[in-house]
Amino acid sequence: NEYIRPNVQDIVLKYFYKGLVMCILAFACWYPSEQLCGQIPFFTVFPGHLLWHVLMPWGCQYMMLLPSILMADMERTYPIFRTGLYFRLFPGYDMSADAKEEKAVIRP
C-alpha cells in the first residue's frame, strides 16, 4: 500500500500483536476466575473479571488500528500517529494529504 509508510506499518503491527497478547491474557484471567470461583479460594479474591473488562477492550482497540490504517488507500491520505504519553497508551492518528506534510486533512 503506497499510502502506508514502513514506519507506520511497523507501529501498527506492534500494536496489533500487543493487543492480541492483551486479549489472550484477559481471557486467561477471566476464564479461571469465573469457572473456579467457588472451588479454589484464590479465585474468590483474584480480580479476573476486572482484568477482563480492562484488558479486553484495550487489546481490541490496539488490534482495530490495523483495519483502520488499511483504509488509508481508499482515503488517499497518509496516516500520521499522534505523540505523547496519552497516545502511547491509546494510539490515535491523523490523516495527511501529503507524505511529507505533517498537517491533518481538514474535511468539510
PDB file of N, CA and C in Angstrom:
ATOM      1  N   ASN A   1       0.850  -1.166   0.000  1.00  0.00           N
ATOM      2  CA  ASN A   1       0.000   0.000   0.000  1.00  0.00           C
ATOM      3  C   ASN A   1       0.897   1.230   0.000  1.00  0.00           C
ATOM      4  N   GLU A   2       0.784   2.070  -1.003  1.00  0.00           N
ATOM      5  CA  GLU A   2       1.666   3.227  -1.136  1.00  0.00           C
ATOM      6  C   GLU A   2       1.410   4.302  -0.084  1.00  0.00           C
ATOM      7  N   TYR A   3       0.229   4.304   0.517  1.00  0.00           N
ATOM      8  CA  TYR A   3      -0.114   5.343   1.481  1.00  0.00           C
ATOM      9  C   TYR A   3       0.315   5.008   2.906  1.00  0.00           C
ATOM     10  N   ILE A   4       0.717   3.794   3.146  1.00  0.00           N
ATOM     11  CA  ILE A   4       1.174   3.409   4.490  1.00  0.00           C
ATOM     12  C   ILE A   4       2.697   3.295   4.460  1.00  0.00           C
ATOM     13  N   ARG A   5       3.347   4.227   5.119  1.00  0.00           N
ATOM     14  CA  ARG A   5       4.804   4.237   5.148  1.00  0.00           C
ATOM     15  C   ARG A   5       5.319   3.094   6.021  1.00  0.00           C
ATOM     16  N   PRO A   6       6.543   2.615   5.759  1.00  0.00           N
ATOM     17  CA  PRO A   6       7.072   1.472   6.533  1.00  0.00           C
ATOM     18  C   PRO A   6       7.097   1.692   8.036  1.00  0.00           C
ATOM     19  N   ASN A   7       7.428   2.901   8.511  1.00  0.00           N
ATOM     20  CA  ASN A   7       7.462   3.120   9.961  1.00  0.00           C
ATOM     21  C   ASN A   7       6.059   3.043  10.559  1.00  0.00           C
ATOM     22  N   VAL A   8       5.050   3.517   9.834  1.00  0.00           N
ATOM     23  CA  VAL A   8       3.666   3.427  10.315  1.00  0.00           C
ATOM     24  C   VAL A   8       3.218   1.963  10.325  1.00  0.00           C
ATOM     25  N   GLN A   9       3.603   1.226   9.301  1.00  0.00           N
ATOM     26  CA  GLN A   9       3.254  -0.198   9.232  1.00  0.00           C
ATOM     27  C   GLN A   9       3.855  -0.954  10.407  1.00  0.00           C
ATOM     28  N   ASP A  10       5.103  -0.654  10.745  1.00  0.00           N
ATOM     29  CA  ASP A  10       5.746  -1.306  11.895  1.00  0.00           C
ATOM     30  C   ASP A  10       5.024  -0.983  13.199  1.00  0.00           C
ATOM     31  N   ILE A  11       4.651   0.276  13.374  1.00  0.00           N
ATOM     32  CA  ILE A  11       3.946   0.689  14.591  1.00  0.00           C
ATOM     33  C   ILE A  11       2.611  -0.043  14.704  1.00  0.00           C
ATOM     34  N   VAL A  12       1.869  -0.098  13.596  1.00  0.00           N
ATOM     35  CA  VAL A  12       0.547  -0.729  13.612  1.00  0.00           C
ATOM     36  C   VAL A  12       0.661  -2.220  13.906  1.00  0.00           C
ATOM     37  N   LEU A  13       1.637  -2.893  13.317  1.00  0.00           N
ATOM     38  CA  LEU A  13       1.801  -4.329  13.577  1.00  0.00           C
ATOM     39  C   LEU A  13       2.199  -4.591  15.028  1.00  0.00           C
ATOM     40  N   LYS A  14       3.037  -3.727  15.595  1.00  0.00           N
ATOM     41  CA  LYS A  14       3.395  -3.878  17.018  1.00  0.00           C
ATOM     42  C   LYS A  14       2.163  -3.728  17.904  1.00  0.00           C
ATOM     43  N   TYR A  15       1.347  -2.718  17.610  1.00  0.00           N
ATOM     44  CA  TYR A  15       0.118  -2.537  18.386  1.00  0.00           C
ATOM     45  C   TYR A  15      -0.825  -3.723  18.203  1.00  0.00           C
ATOM     46  N   PHE A  16      -0.907  -4.261  16.994  1.00  0.00           N
ATOM     47  CA  PHE A  16      -1.786  -5.407  16.754  1.00  0.00           C
ATOM     48  C   PHE A  16      -1.368  -6.599  17.612  1.00  0.00           C
ATOM     49  N   TYR A  17      -0.066  -6.905  17.614  1.00  0.00           N
ATOM     50  CA  TYR A  17       0.395  -8.056  18.391  1.00  0.00           C
ATOM     51  C   TYR A  17       0.314  -7.805  19.896  1.00  0.00           C
ATOM     52  N   LYS A  18       0.547  -6.562  20.330  1.00  0.00           N
ATOM     53  CA  LYS A  18       0.342  -6.237  21.747  1.00  0.00           C
ATOM     54  C   LYS A  18      -1.120  -6.442  22.123  1.00  0.00           C
ATOM     55  N   GLY A  19      -2.019  -6.003  21.260  1.00  0.00           N
ATOM     56  CA  GLY A  19      -3.448  -6.161  21.512  1.00  0.00           C
ATOM     57  C   GLY A  19      -3.858  -7.615  21.570  1.00  0.00           C
ATOM     58  N   LEU A  20      -3.299  -8.423  20.689  1.00  0.00           N
ATOM     59  CA  LEU A  20      -3.601  -9.853  20.695  1.00  0.00           C
ATOM     60  C   LEU A  20      -3.153 -10.490  22.002  1.00  0.00           C
ATOM     61  N   VAL A  21      -1.962 -10.142  22.464  1.00  0.00           N
ATOM     62  CA  VAL A  21      -1.457 -10.671  23.739  1.00  0.00           C
ATOM     63  C   VAL A  21      -2.340 -10.202  24.896  1.00  0.00           C
ATOM     64  N   MET A  22      -2.762  -8.937  24.861  1.00  0.00           N
ATOM     65  CA  MET A  22      -3.623  -8.414  25.926  1.00  0.00           C
ATOM     66  C   MET A  22      -4.963  -9.152  25.968  1.00  0.00           C
ATOM     67  N   CYS A  23      -5.536  -9.453  24.800  1.00  0.00           N
ATOM     68  CA  CYS A  23      -6.816 -10.165  24.762  1.00  0.00           C
ATOM     69  C   CYS A  23      -6.666 -11.600  25.261  1.00  0.00           C
ATOM     70  N   ILE A  24      -5.585 -12.246  24.891  1.00  0.00           N
ATOM     71  CA  ILE A  24      -5.334 -13.613  25.374  1.00  0.00           C
ATOM     72  C   ILE A  24      -5.124 -13.604  26.887  1.00  0.00           C
ATOM     73  N   LEU A  25      -4.374 -12.624  27.388  1.00  0.00           N
ATOM     74  CA  LEU A  25      -4.152 -12.502  28.830  1.00  0.00           C
ATOM     75  C   LEU A  25      -5.464 -12.209  29.559  1.00  0.00           C
ATOM     76  N   ALA A  26      -6.299 -11.363  28.969  1.00  0.00           N
ATOM     77  CA  ALA A  26      -7.597 -11.057  29.579  1.00  0.00           C
ATOM     78  C   ALA A  26      -8.448 -12.315  29.692  1.00  0.00           C
ATOM     79  N   PHE A  27      -8.471 -13.108  28.639  1.00  0.00           N
ATOM     80  CA  PHE A  27      -9.239 -14.352  28.686  1.00  0.00           C
ATOM     81  C   PHE A  27      -8.647 -15.326  29.701  1.00  0.00           C
ATOM     82  N   ALA A  28      -7.304 -15.379  29.743  1.00  0.00           N
ATOM     83  CA  ALA A  28      -6.638 -16.286  30.688  1.00  0.00           C
ATOM     84  C   ALA A  28      -6.894 -15.880  32.140  1.00  0.00           C
ATOM     85  N   CYS A  29      -7.160 -14.611  32.386  1.00  0.00           N
ATOM     86  CA  CYS A  29      -7.500 -14.168  33.742  1.00  0.00           C
ATOM     87  C   CYS A  29      -8.983 -14.380  34.048  1.00  0.00           C
ATOM     88  N   TRP A  30      -9.826 -14.117  33.075  1.00  0.00           N
ATOM     89  CA  TRP A  30     -11.271 -14.167  33.291  1.00  0.00           C
ATOM     90  C   TRP A  30     -11.800 -15.590  33.411  1.00  0.00           C
ATOM     91  N   TYR A  31     -11.410 -16.457  32.510  1.00  0.00           N
ATOM     92  CA  TYR A  31     -11.995 -17.795  32.456  1.00  0.00           C
ATOM     93  C   TYR A  31     -11.801 -18.593  33.740  1.00  0.00           C
ATOM     94  N   PRO A  32     -10.569 -18.708  34.252  1.00  0.00           N
ATOM     95  CA  PRO A  32     -10.429 -19.468  35.503  1.00  0.00           C
ATOM     96  C   PRO A  32     -11.139 -18.813  36.695  1.00  0.00           C
ATOM     97  N   SER A  33     -11.150 -17.480  36.718  1.00  0.00           N
ATOM     98  CA  SER A  33     -11.809 -16.832  37.855  1.00  0.00           C
ATOM     99  C   SER A  33     -13.322 -17.066  37.836  1.00  0.00           C
ATOM    100  N   GLU A  34     -13.908 -17.202  36.664  1.00  0.00           N
ATOM    101  CA  GLU A  34     -15.337 -17.493  36.569  1.00  0.00           C
ATOM    102  C   GLU A  34     -15.629 -18.968  36.857  1.00  0.00           C
ATOM    103  N   GLN A  35     -14.795 -19.855  36.372  1.00  0.00           N
ATOM    104  CA  GLN A  35     -15.040 -21.290  36.494  1.00  0.00           C
ATOM    105  C   GLN A  35     -14.663 -21.846  37.865  1.00  0.00           C
ATOM    106  N   LEU A  36     -13.619 -21.274  38.474  1.00  0.00           N
ATOM    107  CA  LEU A  36     -13.089 -21.848  39.713  1.00  0.00           C
ATOM    108  C   LEU A  36     -13.379 -20.992  40.949  1.00  0.00           C
ATOM    109  N   CYS A  37     -14.252 -20.034  40.828  1.00  0.00           N
ATOM    110  CA  CYS A  37     -14.522 -19.101  41.925  1.00  0.00           C
ATOM    111  C   CYS A  37     -14.999 -19.820  43.194  1.00  0.00           C
ATOM    112  N   GLY A  38     -15.897 -20.760  43.072  1.00  0.00           N
ATOM    113  CA  GLY A  38     -16.425 -21.447  44.247  1.00  0.00           C
ATOM    114  C   GLY A  38     -15.590 -22.626  44.699  1.00  0.00           C
ATOM    115  N   GLN A  39     -14.600 -23.040  43.921  1.00  0.00           N
ATOM    116  CA  GLN A  39     -13.828 -24.239  44.226  1.00  0.00           C
ATOM    117  C   GLN A  39     -12.469 -23.951  44.852  1.00  0.00           C
ATOM    118  N   ILE A  40     -11.799 -22.887  44.390  1.00  0.00           N
ATOM    119  CA  ILE A  40     -10.455 -22.558  44.877  1.00  0.00           C
ATOM    120  C   ILE A  40     -10.500 -21.170  45.520  1.00  0.00           C
ATOM    121  N   PRO A  41     -10.091 -21.052  46.781  1.00  0.00           N
ATOM    122  CA  PRO A  41     -10.204 -19.763  47.490  1.00  0.00           C
ATOM    123  C   PRO A  41      -9.459 -18.608  46.810  1.00  0.00           C
ATOM    124  N   PHE A  42      -8.359 -18.905  46.137  1.00  0.00           N
ATOM    125  CA  PHE A  42      -7.596 -17.843  45.467  1.00  0.00           C
ATOM    126  C   PHE A  42      -8.467 -17.083  44.472  1.00  0.00           C
ATOM    127  N   PHE A  43      -9.302 -17.785  43.741  1.00  0.00           N
ATOM    128  CA  PHE A  43     -10.107 -17.154  42.693  1.00  0.00           C
ATOM    129  C   PHE A  43     -11.299 -16.371  43.239  1.00  0.00           C
ATOM    130  N   THR A  44     -11.564 -16.468  44.530  1.00  0.00           N
ATOM    131  CA  THR A  44     -12.621 -15.625  45.103  1.00  0.00           C
ATOM    132  C   THR A  44     -12.134 -14.184  45.289  1.00  0.00           C
ATOM    133  N   VAL A  45     -10.813 -13.986  45.407  1.00  0.00           N
ATOM    134  CA  VAL A  45     -10.260 -12.636  45.565  1.00  0.00           C
ATOM    135  C   VAL A  45      -9.478 -12.165  44.334  1.00  0.00           C
ATOM    136  N   PHE A  46      -9.183 -13.058  43.414  1.00  0.00           N
ATOM    137  CA  PHE A  46      -8.442 -12.699  42.202  1.00  0.00           C
ATOM    138  C   PHE A  46      -9.331 -11.834  41.304  1.00  0.00           C
ATOM    139  N   PRO A  47      -8.839 -10.661  40.859  1.00  0.00           N
ATOM    140  CA  PRO A  47      -9.689  -9.755  40.073  1.00  0.00           C
ATOM    141  C   PRO A  47      -9.724 -10.107  38.577  1.00  0.00           C
ATOM    142  N   GLY A  48     -10.000 -11.343  38.268  1.00  0.00           N
ATOM    143  CA  GLY A  48     -10.005 -11.782  36.873  1.00  0.00           C
ATOM    144  C   GLY A  48     -11.043 -11.087  36.031  1.00  0.00           C
ATOM    145  N   HIS A  49     -12.223 -10.865  36.587  1.00  0.00           N
ATOM    146  CA  HIS A  49     -13.281 -10.209  35.830  1.00  0.00           C
ATOM    147  C   HIS A  49     -12.932  -8.735  35.595  1.00  0.00           C
ATOM    148  N   LEU A  50     -12.315  -8.098  36.571  1.00  0.00           N
ATOM    149  CA  LEU A  50     -11.859  -6.722  36.416  1.00  0.00           C
ATOM    150  C   LEU A  50     -10.809  -6.626  35.312  1.00  0.00           C
ATOM    151  N   LEU A  51      -9.836  -7.532  35.341  1.00  0.00           N
ATOM    152  CA  LEU A  51      -8.804  -7.535  34.305  1.00  0.00           C
ATOM    153  C   LEU A  51      -9.397  -7.783  32.923  1.00  0.00           C
ATOM    154  N   TRP A  52     -10.422  -8.613  32.854  1.00  0.00           N
ATOM    155  CA  TRP A  52     -11.120  -8.859  31.589  1.00  0.00           C
ATOM    156  C   TRP A  52     -11.691  -7.548  31.043  1.00  0.00           C
ATOM    157  N   HIS A  53     -12.358  -6.783  31.910  1.00  0.00           N
ATOM    158  CA  HIS A  53     -13.013  -5.553  31.460  1.00  0.00           C
ATOM    159  C   HIS A  53     -12.023  -4.440  31.131  1.00  0.00           C
ATOM    160  N   VAL A  54     -10.809  -4.516  31.635  1.00  0.00           N
ATOM    161  CA  VAL A  54      -9.797  -3.515  31.305  1.00  0.00           C
ATOM    162  C   VAL A  54      -8.986  -3.945  30.084  1.00  0.00           C
ATOM    163  N   LEU A  55      -8.478  -5.173  30.109  1.00  0.00           N
ATOM    164  CA  LEU A  55      -7.565  -5.611  29.060  1.00  0.00           C
ATOM    165  C   LEU A  55      -8.235  -5.957  27.734  1.00  0.00           C
ATOM    166  N   MET A  56      -9.427  -6.518  27.767  1.00  0.00           N
ATOM    167  CA  MET A  56     -10.067  -6.936  26.521  1.00  0.00           C
ATOM    168  C   MET A  56     -10.397  -5.746  25.612  1.00  0.00           C
ATOM    169  N   PRO A  57     -11.078  -4.691  26.089  1.00  0.00           N
ATOM    170  CA  PRO A  57     -11.339  -3.572  25.185  1.00  0.00           C
ATOM    171  C   PRO A  57     -10.069  -2.840  24.755  1.00  0.00           C
ATOM    172  N   TRP A  58      -9.108  -2.747  25.672  1.00  0.00           N
ATOM    173  CA  TRP A  58      -7.857  -2.075  25.352  1.00  0.00           C
ATOM    174  C   TRP A  58      -7.119  -2.853  24.262  1.00  0.00           C
ATOM    175  N   GLY A  59      -7.071  -4.176  24.391  1.00  0.00           N
ATOM    176  CA  GLY A  59      -6.433  -5.013  23.382  1.00  0.00           C
ATOM    177  C   GLY A  59      -7.170  -4.966  22.052  1.00  0.00           C
ATOM    178  N   CYS A  60      -8.487  -4.941  22.098  1.00  0.00           N
ATOM    179  CA  CYS A  60      -9.271  -4.847  20.850  1.00  0.00           C
ATOM    180  C   CYS A  60      -9.032  -3.508  20.168  1.00  0.00           C
ATOM    181  N   GLN A  61      -8.891  -2.447  20.959  1.00  0.00           N
ATOM    182  CA  GLN A  61      -8.595  -1.134  20.376  1.00  0.00           C
ATOM    183  C   GLN A  61      -7.255  -1.179  19.645  1.00  0.00           C
ATOM    184  N   TYR A  62      -6.254  -1.791  20.252  1.00  0.00           N
ATOM    185  CA  TYR A  62      -4.953  -1.921  19.606  1.00  0.00           C
ATOM    186  C   TYR A  62      -5.061  -2.713  18.302  1.00  0.00           C
ATOM    187  N   MET A  63      -5.831  -3.789  18.330  1.00  0.00           N
ATOM    188  CA  MET A  63      -5.949  -4.612  17.125  1.00  0.00           C
ATOM    189  C   MET A  63      -6.743  -3.900  16.028  1.00  0.00           C
ATOM    190  N   MET A  64      -7.707  -3.059  16.409  1.00  0.00           N
ATOM    191  CA  MET A  64      -8.521  -2.370  15.408  1.00  0.00           C
ATOM    192  C   MET A  64      -7.767  -1.265  14.674  1.00  0.00           C
ATOM    193  N   LEU A  65      -6.578  -0.928  15.133  1.00  0.00           N
ATOM    194  CA  LEU A  65      -5.768   0.030  14.384  1.00  0.00           C
ATOM    195  C   LEU A  65      -5.418  -0.509  12.999  1.00  0.00           C
ATOM    196  N   LEU A  66      -5.152  -1.791  12.909  1.00  0.00           N
ATOM    197  CA  LEU A  66      -4.737  -2.379  11.636  1.00  0.00           C
ATOM    198  C   LEU A  66      -5.790  -2.186  10.549  1.00  0.00           C
ATOM    199  N   PRO A  67      -7.045  -2.613  10.744  1.00  0.00           N
ATOM    200  CA  PRO A  67      -8.016  -2.385   9.668  1.00  0.00           C
ATOM    201  C   PRO A  67      -8.299  -0.902   9.412  1.00  0.00           C
ATOM    202  N   SER A  68      -8.202  -0.064  10.452  1.00  0.00           N
ATOM    203  CA  SER A  68      -8.463   1.355  10.209  1.00  0.00           C
ATOM    204  C   SER A  68      -7.341   1.999   9.400  1.00  0.00           C
ATOM    205  N   ILE A  69      -6.108   1.593   9.629  1.00  0.00           N
ATOM    206  CA  ILE A  69      -4.986   2.135   8.855  1.00  0.00           C
ATOM    207  C   ILE A  69      -5.030   1.615   7.419  1.00  0.00           C
ATOM    208  N   LEU A  70      -5.523   0.401   7.226  1.00  0.00           N
ATOM    209  CA  LEU A  70      -5.601  -0.142   5.868  1.00  0.00           C
ATOM    210  C   LEU A  70      -6.595   0.626   4.997  1.00  0.00           C
ATOM    211  N   MET A  71      -7.410   1.483   5.589  1.00  0.00           N
ATOM    212  CA  MET A  71      -8.337   2.321   4.817  1.00  0.00           C
ATOM    213  C   MET A  71      -7.639   3.535   4.208  1.00  0.00           C
ATOM    214  N   ALA A  72      -6.359   3.723   4.483  1.00  0.00           N
ATOM    215  CA  ALA A  72      -5.640   4.905   4.003  1.00  0.00           C
ATOM    216  C   ALA A  72      -5.638   4.998   2.483  1.00  0.00           C
ATOM    217  N   ASP A  73      -5.551   3.881   1.786  1.00  0.00           N
ATOM    218  CA  ASP A  73      -5.530   3.953   0.324  1.00  0.00           C
ATOM    219  C   ASP A  73      -6.885   4.375  -0.242  1.00  0.00           C
ATOM    220  N   MET A  74      -7.962   4.014   0.431  1.00  0.00           N
ATOM    221  CA  MET A  74      -9.283   4.434  -0.030  1.00  0.00           C
ATOM    222  C   MET A  74      -9.481   5.939   0.163  1.00  0.00           C
ATOM    223  N   GLU A  75      -8.894   6.467   1.229  1.00  0.00           N
ATOM    224  CA  GLU A  75      -8.983   7.898   1.524  1.00  0.00           C
ATOM    225  C   GLU A  75      -7.923   8.697   0.768  1.00  0.00           C
ATOM    226  N   ARG A  76      -6.929   7.990   0.215  1.00  0.00           N
ATOM    227  CA  ARG A  76      -5.776   8.609  -0.454  1.00  0.00           C
ATOM    228  C   ARG A  76      -5.077   9.624   0.467  1.00  0.00           C
ATOM    229  N   THR A  77      -4.844   9.176   1.688  1.00  0.00           N
ATOM    230  CA  THR A  77      -4.170  10.004   2.678  1.00  0.00           C
ATOM    231  C   THR A  77      -3.125   9.168   3.410  1.00  0.00           C
ATOM    232  N   TYR A  78      -2.247   9.841   4.101  1.00  0.00           N
ATOM    233  CA  TYR A  78      -1.158   9.189   4.817  1.00  0.00           C
ATOM    234  C   TYR A  78      -1.397   9.291   6.317  1.00  0.00           C
ATOM    235  N   PRO A  79      -1.475   8.160   7.031  1.00  0.00           N
ATOM    236  CA  PRO A  79      -1.664   8.233   8.491  1.00  0.00           C
ATOM    237  C   PRO A  79      -0.408   8.732   9.199  1.00  0.00           C
ATOM    238  N   ILE A  80      -0.602   9.644  10.125  1.00  0.00           N
ATOM    239  CA  ILE A  80       0.478  10.183  10.954  1.00  0.00           C
ATOM    240  C   ILE A  80       0.058   9.986  12.403  1.00  0.00           C
ATOM    241  N   PHE A  81       0.844   9.232  13.167  1.00  0.00           N
ATOM    242  CA  PHE A  81       0.499   8.970  14.556  1.00  0.00           C
ATOM    243  C   PHE A  81       0.736  10.192  15.421  1.00  0.00           C
ATOM    244  N   ARG A  82      -0.163  10.406  16.358  1.00  0.00           N
ATOM    245  CA  ARG A  82      -0.016  11.485  17.331  1.00  0.00           C
ATOM    246  C   ARG A  82       0.989  11.044  18.384  1.00  0.00           C
ATOM    247  N   THR A  83       1.610  12.020  19.035  1.00  0.00           N
ATOM    248  CA  THR A  83       2.644  11.705  20.020  1.00  0.00           C
ATOM    249  C   THR A  83       2.191  12.142  21.413  1.00  0.00           C
ATOM    250  N   GLY A  84       2.907  11.669  22.396  1.00  0.00           N
ATOM    251  CA  GLY A  84       2.620  11.998  23.783  1.00  0.00           C
ATOM    252  C   GLY A  84       2.267  10.750  24.571  1.00  0.00           C
ATOM    253  N   LEU A  85       2.272  10.886  25.890  1.00  0.00           N
ATOM    254  CA  LEU A  85       2.010   9.753  26.768  1.00  0.00           C
ATOM    255  C   LEU A  85       0.616   9.185  26.540  1.00  0.00           C
ATOM    256  N   TYR A  86      -0.383  10.049  26.450  1.00  0.00           N
ATOM    257  CA  TYR A  86      -1.753   9.565  26.252  1.00  0.00           C
ATOM    258  C   TYR A  86      -1.856   8.727  24.981  1.00  0.00           C
ATOM    259  N   PHE A  87      -1.235   9.193  23.907  1.00  0.00           N
ATOM    260  CA  PHE A  87      -1.339   8.495  22.632  1.00  0.00           C
ATOM    261  C   PHE A  87      -0.426   7.277  22.548  1.00  0.00           C
ATOM    262  N   ARG A  88       0.463   7.111  23.498  1.00  0.00           N
ATOM    263  CA  ARG A  88       1.184   5.826  23.588  1.00  0.00           C
ATOM    264  C   ARG A  88       0.280   4.756  24.180  1.00  0.00           C
ATOM    265  N   LEU A  89      -0.538   5.157  25.144  1.00  0.00           N
ATOM    266  CA  LEU A  89      -1.466   4.206  25.767  1.00  0.00           C
ATOM    267  C   LEU A  89      -2.691   3.966  24.896  1.00  0.00           C
ATOM    268  N   PHE A  90      -3.204   5.034  24.301  1.00  0.00           N
ATOM    269  CA  PHE A  90      -4.401   4.958  23.464  1.00  0.00           C
ATOM    270  C   PHE A  90      -4.066   5.611  22.124  1.00  0.00           C
ATOM    271  N   PRO A  91      -3.513   4.829  21.195  1.00  0.00           N
ATOM    272  CA  PRO A  91      -2.987   5.421  19.962  1.00  0.00           C
ATOM    273  C   PRO A  91      -4.060   6.120  19.133  1.00  0.00           C
ATOM    274  N   GLY A  92      -3.645   7.214  18.539  1.00  0.00           N
ATOM    275  CA  GLY A  92      -4.501   7.966  17.640  1.00  0.00           C
ATOM    276  C   GLY A  92      -3.668   8.461  16.475  1.00  0.00           C
ATOM    277  N   TYR A  93      -4.324   8.758  15.391  1.00  0.00           N
ATOM    278  CA  TYR A  93      -3.604   9.245  14.225  1.00  0.00           C
ATOM    279  C   TYR A  93      -4.456  10.250  13.470  1.00  0.00           C
ATOM    280  N   ASP A  94      -3.776  11.054  12.672  1.00  0.00           N
ATOM    281  CA  ASP A  94      -4.418  11.981  11.752  1.00  0.00           C
ATOM    282  C   ASP A  94      -4.075  11.525  10.347  1.00  0.00           C
ATOM    283  N   MET A  95      -4.897  11.941   9.394  1.00  0.00           N
ATOM    284  CA  MET A  95      -4.614  11.646   8.001  1.00  0.00           C
ATOM    285  C   MET A  95      -4.060  12.897   7.343  1.00  0.00           C
ATOM    286  N   SER A  96      -2.949  12.755   6.638  1.00  0.00           N
ATOM    287  CA  SER A  96      -2.305  13.868   5.970  1.00  0.00           C
ATOM    288  C   SER A  96      -2.501  13.723   4.465  1.00  0.00           C
ATOM    289  N   ALA A  97      -2.662  14.836   3.760  1.00  0.00           N
ATOM    290  CA  ALA A  97      -2.866  14.808   2.315  1.00  0.00           C
ATOM    291  C   ALA A  97      -1.572  14.549   1.567  1.00  0.00           C
ATOM    292  N   ASP A  98      -0.455  14.781   2.215  1.00  0.00           N
ATOM    293  CA  ASP A  98       0.834  14.656   1.549  1.00  0.00           C
ATOM    294  C   ASP A  98       1.770  13.834   2.432  1.00  0.00           C
ATOM    295  N   ALA A  99       2.597  13.018   1.811  1.00  0.00           N
ATOM    296  CA  ALA A  99       3.509  12.162   2.580  1.00  0.00           C
ATOM    297  C   ALA A  99       4.511  12.981   3.383  1.00  0.00           C
ATOM    298  N   LYS A 100       4.895  14.147   2.892  1.00  0.00           N
ATOM    299  CA  LYS A 100       5.883  14.976   3.597  1.00  0.00           C
ATOM    300  C   LYS A 100       5.232  15.962   4.557  1.00  0.00           C
ATOM    301  N   GLU A 101       3.951  16.195   4.362  1.00  0.00           N
ATOM    302  CA  GLU A 101       3.232  17.173   5.172  1.00  0.00           C
ATOM    303  C   GLU A 101       2.834  16.553   6.509  1.00  0.00           C
ATOM    304  N   GLU A 102       2.937  17.327   7.553  1.00  0.00           N
ATOM    305  CA  GLU A 102       2.576  16.825   8.875  1.00  0.00           C
ATOM    306  C   GLU A 102       1.241  17.374   9.350  1.00  0.00           C
ATOM    307  N   LYS A 103       0.526  18.106   8.502  1.00  0.00           N
ATOM    308  CA  LYS A 103      -0.773  18.654   8.907  1.00  0.00           C
ATOM    309  C   LYS A 103      -1.886  17.700   8.535  1.00  0.00           C
ATOM    310  N   ALA A 104      -2.888  17.650   9.379  1.00  0.00           N
ATOM    311  CA  ALA A 104      -4.020  16.769   9.129  1.00  0.00           C
ATOM    312  C   ALA A 104      -4.898  17.331   8.022  1.00  0.00           C
ATOM    313  N   VAL A 105      -5.606  16.440   7.357  1.00  0.00           N
ATOM    314  CA  VAL A 105      -6.554  16.836   6.324  1.00  0.00           C
ATOM    315  C   VAL A 105      -7.789  17.431   7.002  1.00  0.00           C
ATOM    316  N   ILE A 106      -8.245  18.570   6.520  1.00  0.00           N
ATOM    317  CA  ILE A 106      -9.458  19.203   7.035  1.00  0.00           C
ATOM    318  C   ILE A 106     -10.595  18.845   6.071  1.00  0.00           C
ATOM    319  N   ARG A 107     -11.613  18.191   6.611  1.00  0.00           N
ATOM    320  CA  ARG A 107     -12.752  17.809   5.777  1.00  0.00           C
ATOM    321  C   ARG A 107     -13.935  18.709   6.093  1.00  0.00           C
ATOM    322  N   PRO A 108     -14.708  19.089   5.061  1.00  0.00           N
ATOM    323  CA  PRO A 108     -15.884  19.939   5.322  1.00  0.00           C
ATOM    324  C   PRO A 108     -16.963  19.204   6.065  1.00  0.00           C
TER     325      PRO A 108
END
